[in-house]
Amino acid sequence: MEHIGIEPSILYLGTPVVLLGTTDHDGHPNLAPMSSAFWLGWRCVLGMSTSSKTTQNLLATGEVTINLPSTAQVGAVDRIAKTTGSDPMSEARVERGYRHVRDKFGVAGLTPVDSETVRPPRVAECPVTMEAVVEKARPLAEDLGGWGMVFEVRVQRVHVHPSITMEGHENRIDPDLWRPLIMSFQQFYGLGDQVHPSRLAEIPELSYRTEDIDRAAATGQTVG
């Protein structure tokens, strides 16, 4: 079948939904759903608007929690999908129907839990949560006015619900048990069953281990 040329306004072809937890200078928490995230080792790359409260908090504090909801938390995610912690809001947010919300956890119906190494709280209901610190930040699309920011963050802790761990393996998540929430062209989806064995699975996961994991293990508890 031949391809045809099209010009979609967005290119969200399918990425995991994450809830980013941050705090402002006063320690007040913010929770923001987004799906512009990917991982290499224990580094995560996050992309978001410069007008986002999360962007402002990340630049100010350098700390974040990355909480991955399953399909079971889709309602909670959707309840804060058009909310922002920014006050005043940007014109673009106003035009798109956003509203300012200070208590994102309350509106979502989610439970904040203390982190071990960063100040922002994690989300108790999310099966996977991570604590991370910003290593680098750079503008995105500077030629178009710099409307976005890209953050490289280093993960310091990974917490999971025991229900998704792989039997017989202390440090592995079972992909048959883990059902992440996926965003595709602004719609929520879940994963289906495995469609084919992967040759990549023949490579032991330990071979991908980086020094960041040892560095994380040496990071002591800094917040209570």
C-alpha atoms as a PDB file:
ATOM      1  CA  MET A   1       0.000   0.000   0.000  1.00  0.00           C
ATOM      2  CA  GLU A   2       1.340   3.428  -0.939  1.00  0.00           C
ATOM      3  CA  HIS A   3       1.751   6.216   1.575  1.00  0.00           C
ATOM      4  CA  ILE A   4       0.051   9.585   1.150  1.00  0.00           C
ATOM      5  CA  GLY A   5       1.320  12.906   2.428  1.00  0.00           C
ATOM      6  CA  ILE A   6      -0.701  14.534   5.229  1.00  0.00           C
ATOM      7  CA  GLU A   7      -0.158  17.423   7.646  1.00  0.00           C
ATOM      8  CA  PRO A   8      -1.498  16.426  11.094  1.00  0.00           C
ATOM      9  CA  SER A   9      -1.461  19.273  13.601  1.00  0.00           C
ATOM     10  CA  ILE A  10      -0.143  16.961  16.333  1.00  0.00           C
ATOM     11  CA  LEU A  11       2.007  13.822  16.252  1.00  0.00           C
ATOM     12  CA  TYR A  12       0.868  11.995  19.375  1.00  0.00           C
ATOM     13  CA  LEU A  13       0.936   8.553  17.799  1.00  0.00           C
ATOM     14  CA  GLY A  14       0.974   6.717  21.116  1.00  0.00           C
ATOM     15  CA  THR A  15       2.995   7.450  24.248  1.00  0.00           C
ATOM     16  CA  PRO A  16       2.512   6.653  27.949  1.00  0.00           C
ATOM     17  CA  VAL A  17       0.587   9.103  30.103  1.00  0.00           C
ATOM     18  CA  VAL A  18       2.518  10.382  33.106  1.00  0.00           C
ATOM     19  CA  LEU A  19       1.561  12.559  36.048  1.00  0.00           C
ATOM     20  CA  LEU A  20       4.367  14.940  36.961  1.00  0.00           C
ATOM     21  CA  GLY A  21       4.553  15.977  40.602  1.00  0.00           C
ATOM     22  CA  THR A  22       6.389  19.213  41.396  1.00  0.00           C
ATOM     23  CA  THR A  23       6.430  21.831  44.146  1.00  0.00           C
ATOM     24  CA  ASP A  24       6.789  25.587  44.065  1.00  0.00           C
ATOM     25  CA  HIS A  25       9.093  27.700  46.259  1.00  0.00           C
ATOM     26  CA  ASP A  26       6.557  27.508  49.087  1.00  0.00           C
ATOM     27  CA  GLY A  27       6.432  23.726  48.908  1.00  0.00           C
ATOM     28  CA  HIS A  28       2.898  23.609  47.496  1.00  0.00           C
ATOM     29  CA  PRO A  29       2.464  20.540  45.259  1.00  0.00           C
ATOM     30  CA  ASN A  30       1.289  20.549  41.662  1.00  0.00           C
ATOM     31  CA  LEU A  31       0.244  17.544  39.596  1.00  0.00           C
ATOM     32  CA  ALA A  32       0.198  17.667  35.794  1.00  0.00           C
ATOM     33  CA  PRO A  33      -0.771  15.017  33.225  1.00  0.00           C
ATOM     34  CA  MET A  34       1.361  14.864  30.092  1.00  0.00           C
ATOM     35  CA  SER A  35       2.546  12.326  27.535  1.00  0.00           C
ATOM     36  CA  SER A  36       5.733  13.815  26.084  1.00  0.00           C
ATOM     37  CA  ALA A  37       8.140  11.561  27.947  1.00  0.00           C
ATOM     38  CA  PHE A  38      10.632   8.829  27.127  1.00  0.00           C
ATOM     39  CA  TRP A  39      13.372   6.930  28.954  1.00  0.00           C
ATOM     40  CA  LEU A  40      16.930   5.828  28.215  1.00  0.00           C
ATOM     41  CA  GLY A  41      18.401   3.936  31.131  1.00  0.00           C
ATOM     42  CA  TRP A  42      17.573   5.861  34.291  1.00  0.00           C
ATOM     43  CA  ARG A  43      17.345   9.138  32.401  1.00  0.00           C
ATOM     44  CA  CYS A  44      13.993  10.540  31.314  1.00  0.00           C
ATOM     45  CA  VAL A  45      13.321  13.291  28.786  1.00  0.00           C
ATOM     46  CA  LEU A  46      10.290  15.486  29.413  1.00  0.00           C
ATOM     47  CA  GLY A  47       8.856  18.077  27.037  1.00  0.00           C
ATOM     48  CA  MET A  48       6.264  20.711  27.894  1.00  0.00           C
ATOM     49  CA  SER A  49       5.078  24.263  27.343  1.00  0.00           C
ATOM     50  CA  THR A  50       7.067  27.148  28.801  1.00  0.00           C
ATOM     51  CA  SER A  51       3.834  28.543  30.288  1.00  0.00           C
ATOM     52  CA  SER A  52       3.217  25.371  32.303  1.00  0.00           C
ATOM     53  CA  LYS A  53       3.339  25.599  36.084  1.00  0.00           C
ATOM     54  CA  THR A  54       5.297  22.345  35.991  1.00  0.00           C
ATOM     55  CA  THR A  55       7.951  23.992  33.812  1.00  0.00           C
ATOM     56  CA  GLN A  56       8.215  26.896  36.238  1.00  0.00           C
ATOM     57  CA  ASN A  57       8.506  24.556  39.205  1.00  0.00           C
ATOM     58  CA  LEU A  58      11.115  22.368  37.520  1.00  0.00           C
ATOM     59  CA  LEU A  59      13.272  25.373  36.672  1.00  0.00           C
ATOM     60  CA  ALA A  60      12.927  26.717  40.217  1.00  0.00           C
ATOM     61  CA  THR A  61      13.474  23.523  42.238  1.00  0.00           C
ATOM     62  CA  GLY A  62      15.016  20.928  39.907  1.00  0.00           C
ATOM     63  CA  GLU A  63      12.916  18.121  41.425  1.00  0.00           C
ATOM     64  CA  VAL A  64      10.059  16.007  40.080  1.00  0.00           C
ATOM     65  CA  THR A  65       8.146  12.781  40.568  1.00  0.00           C
ATOM     66  CA  ILE A  66       7.141  10.828  37.479  1.00  0.00           C
ATOM     67  CA  ASN A  67       3.998   8.840  38.183  1.00  0.00           C
ATOM     68  CA  LEU A  68       2.715   6.354  35.622  1.00  0.00           C
ATOM     69  CA  PRO A  69      -1.006   5.590  35.856  1.00  0.00           C
ATOM     70  CA  SER A  70      -2.533   2.363  34.621  1.00  0.00           C
ATOM     71  CA  THR A  71      -5.802   2.228  32.733  1.00  0.00           C
ATOM     72  CA  ALA A  72      -7.501   1.971  36.147  1.00  0.00           C
ATOM     73  CA  GLN A  73      -6.611   5.611  36.888  1.00  0.00           C
ATOM     74  CA  VAL A  74      -7.927   7.057  33.608  1.00  0.00           C
ATOM     75  CA  GLY A  75     -10.811   8.856  35.319  1.00  0.00           C
ATOM     76  CA  ALA A  76      -8.497  10.599  37.763  1.00  0.00           C
ATOM     77  CA  VAL A  77      -6.181  11.677  34.948  1.00  0.00           C
ATOM     78  CA  ASP A  78      -9.048  13.026  32.879  1.00  0.00           C
ATOM     79  CA  ARG A  79     -10.400  15.088  35.791  1.00  0.00           C
ATOM     80  CA  ILE A  80      -7.274  17.271  35.727  1.00  0.00           C
ATOM     81  CA  ALA A  81      -6.630  17.086  31.976  1.00  0.00           C
ATOM     82  CA  LYS A  82      -7.730  20.705  31.341  1.00  0.00           C
ATOM     83  CA  THR A  83      -6.493  22.266  34.559  1.00  0.00           C
ATOM     84  CA  THR A  84      -3.409  24.312  35.313  1.00  0.00           C
ATOM     85  CA  GLY A  85      -1.579  25.415  38.411  1.00  0.00           C
ATOM     86  CA  SER A  86      -0.595  28.675  36.692  1.00  0.00           C
ATOM     87  CA  ASP A  87      -2.348  31.832  37.855  1.00  0.00           C
ATOM     88  CA  PRO A  88      -2.804  33.872  35.757  1.00  0.00           C
ATOM     89  CA  MET A  89      -3.221  31.455  32.873  1.00  0.00           C
ATOM     90  CA  SER A  90      -1.674  31.969  29.453  1.00  0.00           C
ATOM     91  CA  GLU A  91      -3.971  33.147  26.657  1.00  0.00           C
ATOM     92  CA  ALA A  92      -3.538  29.809  24.897  1.00  0.00           C
ATOM     93  CA  ARG A  93      -4.750  27.920  27.970  1.00  0.00           C
ATOM     94  CA  VAL A  94      -7.743  30.240  28.335  1.00  0.00           C
ATOM     95  CA  GLU A  95      -8.683  29.767  24.681  1.00  0.00           C
ATOM     96  CA  ARG A  96      -8.512  25.981  25.077  1.00  0.00           C
ATOM     97  CA  GLY A  97     -10.856  25.964  28.038  1.00  0.00           C
ATOM     98  CA  TYR A  98      -8.417  25.354  30.887  1.00  0.00           C
ATOM     99  CA  ARG A  99      -9.191  26.401  34.462  1.00  0.00           C
ATOM    100  CA  HIS A 100      -6.886  27.192  37.350  1.00  0.00           C
ATOM    101  CA  VAL A 101      -6.813  24.537  40.090  1.00  0.00           C
ATOM    102  CA  ARG A 102      -4.571  24.756  43.140  1.00  0.00           C
ATOM    103  CA  ASP A 103      -5.399  21.368  44.676  1.00  0.00           C
ATOM    104  CA  LYS A 104      -4.801  18.980  41.757  1.00  0.00           C
ATOM    105  CA  PHE A 105      -4.630  15.903  44.008  1.00  0.00           C
ATOM    106  CA  GLY A 106      -8.019  16.741  45.489  1.00  0.00           C
ATOM    107  CA  VAL A 107      -9.708  17.335  42.131  1.00  0.00           C
ATOM    108  CA  ALA A 108      -8.229  14.139  40.694  1.00  0.00           C
ATOM    109  CA  GLY A 109      -9.152  12.125  43.768  1.00  0.00           C
ATOM    110  CA  LEU A 110      -5.582  10.885  44.143  1.00  0.00           C
ATOM    111  CA  THR A 111      -3.468  10.434  47.266  1.00  0.00           C
ATOM    112  CA  PRO A 112      -0.100  12.199  47.759  1.00  0.00           C
ATOM    113  CA  VAL A 113       2.621  10.164  49.469  1.00  0.00           C
ATOM    114  CA  ASP A 114       6.033  11.364  50.643  1.00  0.00           C
ATOM    115  CA  SER A 115       9.064  10.803  48.448  1.00  0.00           C
ATOM    116  CA  GLU A 116      12.432   9.670  49.781  1.00  0.00           C
ATOM    117  CA  THR A 117      14.871  11.913  47.916  1.00  0.00           C
ATOM    118  CA  VAL A 118      12.852  14.839  46.521  1.00  0.00           C
ATOM    119  CA  ARG A 119      10.216  17.186  47.917  1.00  0.00           C
ATOM    120  CA  PRO A 120       7.376  16.647  45.421  1.00  0.00           C
ATOM    121  CA  PRO A 121       4.966  13.902  46.493  1.00  0.00           C
ATOM    122  CA  ARG A 122       4.306  10.713  44.586  1.00  0.00           C
ATOM    123  CA  VAL A 123       0.864   9.358  43.648  1.00  0.00           C
ATOM    124  CA  ALA A 124      -0.174   6.381  45.777  1.00  0.00           C
ATOM    125  CA  GLU A 125      -2.605   4.985  43.206  1.00  0.00           C
ATOM    126  CA  CYS A 126      -0.109   4.896  40.306  1.00  0.00           C
ATOM    127  CA  PRO A 127       1.484   1.443  39.950  1.00  0.00           C
ATOM    128  CA  VAL A 128       4.835   2.999  38.985  1.00  0.00           C
ATOM    129  CA  THR A 129       6.340   6.128  40.533  1.00  0.00           C
ATOM    130  CA  MET A 130       9.808   7.630  40.162  1.00  0.00           C
ATOM    131  CA  GLU A 131      11.755  10.343  41.933  1.00  0.00           C
ATOM    132  CA  ALA A 132      14.053  12.414  39.745  1.00  0.00           C
ATOM    133  CA  VAL A 133      16.210  15.528  39.578  1.00  0.00           C
ATOM    134  CA  VAL A 134      16.855  17.824  36.631  1.00  0.00           C
ATOM    135  CA  GLU A 135      20.246  17.412  34.986  1.00  0.00           C
ATOM    136  CA  LYS A 136      19.727  19.671  31.967  1.00  0.00           C
ATOM    137  CA  ALA A 137      17.064  21.979  30.560  1.00  0.00           C
ATOM    138  CA  ARG A 138      16.937  23.634  27.164  1.00  0.00           C
ATOM    139  CA  PRO A 139      14.422  25.605  25.107  1.00  0.00           C
ATOM    140  CA  LEU A 140      12.473  23.878  22.343  1.00  0.00           C
ATOM    141  CA  ALA A 141      11.565  25.511  19.033  1.00  0.00           C
ATOM    142  CA  GLU A 142      13.545  28.679  19.673  1.00  0.00           C
ATOM    143  CA  ASP A 143      13.069  29.589  16.016  1.00  0.00           C
ATOM    144  CA  LEU A 144       9.301  29.697  16.693  1.00  0.00           C
ATOM    145  CA  GLY A 145       9.512  31.825  19.802  1.00  0.00           C
ATOM    146  CA  GLY A 146      10.687  29.136  22.209  1.00  0.00           C
ATOM    147  CA  TRP A 147       7.221  27.908  23.220  1.00  0.00           C
ATOM    148  CA  GLY A 148       8.524  24.685  24.785  1.00  0.00           C
ATOM    149  CA  MET A 149      11.132  23.316  27.184  1.00  0.00           C
ATOM    150  CA  VAL A 150      12.936  19.986  27.218  1.00  0.00           C
ATOM    151  CA  PHE A 151      14.201  18.558  30.493  1.00  0.00           C
ATOM    152  CA  GLU A 152      16.651  15.690  30.997  1.00  0.00           C
ATOM    153  CA  VAL A 153      16.014  14.264  34.443  1.00  0.00           C
ATOM    154  CA  ARG A 154      17.914  11.587  36.361  1.00  0.00           C
ATOM    155  CA  VAL A 155      15.863   9.014  38.236  1.00  0.00           C
ATOM    156  CA  GLN A 156      16.880   8.430  41.864  1.00  0.00           C
ATOM    157  CA  ARG A 157      14.180   6.045  43.067  1.00  0.00           C
ATOM    158  CA  VAL A 158      11.703   3.680  41.393  1.00  0.00           C
ATOM    159  CA  HIS A 159       8.672   2.470  43.362  1.00  0.00           C
ATOM    160  CA  VAL A 160       6.145  -0.068  42.059  1.00  0.00           C
ATOM    161  CA  HIS A 161       3.079  -1.893  43.298  1.00  0.00           C
ATOM    162  CA  PRO A 162       4.046  -5.528  44.055  1.00  0.00           C
ATOM    163  CA  SER A 163       1.145  -6.674  41.866  1.00  0.00           C
ATOM    164  CA  ILE A 164       3.082  -5.850  38.670  1.00  0.00           C
ATOM    165  CA  THR A 165       6.492  -7.344  39.527  1.00  0.00           C
ATOM    166  CA  MET A 166       7.768 -10.416  37.719  1.00  0.00           C
ATOM    167  CA  GLU A 167       7.733 -13.612  39.740  1.00  0.00           C
ATOM    168  CA  GLY A 168      11.228 -14.837  40.571  1.00  0.00           C
ATOM    169  CA  HIS A 169      12.881 -11.512  39.637  1.00  0.00           C
ATOM    170  CA  GLU A 170      13.477  -8.911  42.339  1.00  0.00           C
ATOM    171  CA  ASN A 171      13.961  -5.932  40.038  1.00  0.00           C
ATOM    172  CA  ARG A 172      11.763  -6.569  37.013  1.00  0.00           C
ATOM    173  CA  ILE A 173       8.271  -5.473  36.021  1.00  0.00           C
ATOM    174  CA  ASP A 174       6.098  -8.081  34.305  1.00  0.00           C
ATOM    175  CA  PRO A 175       4.793  -6.604  31.012  1.00  0.00           C
ATOM    176  CA  ASP A 176       1.885  -9.069  31.134  1.00  0.00           C
ATOM    177  CA  LEU A 177       0.761  -7.508  34.435  1.00  0.00           C
ATOM    178  CA  TRP A 178       1.582  -3.852  33.770  1.00  0.00           C
ATOM    179  CA  ARG A 179      -1.064  -2.001  31.771  1.00  0.00           C
ATOM    180  CA  PRO A 180       0.039   1.611  31.240  1.00  0.00           C
ATOM    181  CA  LEU A 181      -2.366   4.321  30.146  1.00  0.00           C
ATOM    182  CA  ILE A 182      -1.553   5.427  26.594  1.00  0.00           C
ATOM    183  CA  MET A 183      -2.316   8.734  24.864  1.00  0.00           C
ATOM    184  CA  SER A 184      -2.878   8.597  21.104  1.00  0.00           C
ATOM    185  CA  PHE A 185      -4.066  11.744  19.330  1.00  0.00           C
ATOM    186  CA  GLN A 186      -5.612  13.127  22.539  1.00  0.00           C
ATOM    187  CA  GLN A 187      -7.536   9.912  23.278  1.00  0.00           C
ATOM    188  CA  PHE A 188      -6.891   7.396  26.057  1.00  0.00           C
ATOM    189  CA  TYR A 189      -5.997   3.790  25.219  1.00  0.00           C
ATOM    190  CA  GLY A 190      -4.589   0.751  26.964  1.00  0.00           C
ATOM    191  CA  LEU A 191      -2.273  -2.026  25.824  1.00  0.00           C
ATOM    192  CA  GLY A 192      -3.542  -5.237  24.312  1.00  0.00           C
ATOM    193  CA  ASP A 193      -1.989  -8.671  24.553  1.00  0.00           C
ATOM    194  CA  GLN A 194       1.504  -9.391  23.299  1.00  0.00           C
ATOM    195  CA  VAL A 195       1.418  -9.761  19.511  1.00  0.00           C
ATOM    196  CA  HIS A 196       4.818 -11.377  18.898  1.00  0.00           C
ATOM    197  CA  PRO A 197       7.902 -12.425  20.858  1.00  0.00           C
ATOM    198  CA  SER A 198      10.753  -9.925  20.610  1.00  0.00           C
ATOM    199  CA  ARG A 199      14.339 -10.848  19.821  1.00  0.00           C
ATOM    200  CA  LEU A 200      15.377  -7.958  22.045  1.00  0.00           C
ATOM    201  CA  ALA A 201      14.005  -9.960  24.978  1.00  0.00           C
ATOM    202  CA  GLU A 202      16.896 -12.382  24.462  1.00  0.00           C
ATOM    203  CA  ILE A 203      19.212  -9.678  25.825  1.00  0.00           C
ATOM    204  CA  PRO A 204      19.380  -9.766  29.661  1.00  0.00           C
ATOM    205  CA  GLU A 205      17.949  -6.605  31.194  1.00  0.00           C
ATOM    206  CA  LEU A 206      21.020  -6.368  33.435  1.00  0.00           C
ATOM    207  CA  SER A 207      23.121  -5.586  30.365  1.00  0.00           C
ATOM    208  CA  TYR A 208      21.394  -2.198  30.166  1.00  0.00           C
ATOM    209  CA  ARG A 209      22.289  -1.250  33.740  1.00  0.00           C
ATOM    210  CA  THR A 210      24.033   2.120  33.967  1.00  0.00           C
ATOM    211  CA  GLU A 211      26.039   3.907  36.643  1.00  0.00           C
ATOM    212  CA  ASP A 212      22.969   6.028  37.390  1.00  0.00           C
ATOM    213  CA  ILE A 213      21.481   3.070  39.282  1.00  0.00           C
ATOM    214  CA  ASP A 214      24.541   2.788  41.535  1.00  0.00           C
ATOM    215  CA  ARG A 215      24.481   6.553  41.967  1.00  0.00           C
ATOM    216  CA  ALA A 216      20.808   6.389  42.966  1.00  0.00           C
ATOM    217  CA  ALA A 217      21.519   3.668  45.509  1.00  0.00           C
ATOM    218  CA  ALA A 218      24.092   5.938  47.132  1.00  0.00           C
ATOM    219  CA  THR A 219      21.599   8.812  47.379  1.00  0.00           C
ATOM    220  CA  GLY A 220      20.494   9.071  50.986  1.00  0.00           C
ATOM    221  CA  GLN A 221      17.106  10.119  52.255  1.00  0.00           C
ATOM    222  CA  THR A 222      16.994  13.928  52.074  1.00  0.00           C
ATOM    223  CA  VAL A 223      13.385  14.732  52.846  1.00  0.00           C
ATOM    224  CA  GLY A 224      10.957  13.407  55.389  1.00  0.00           C
END
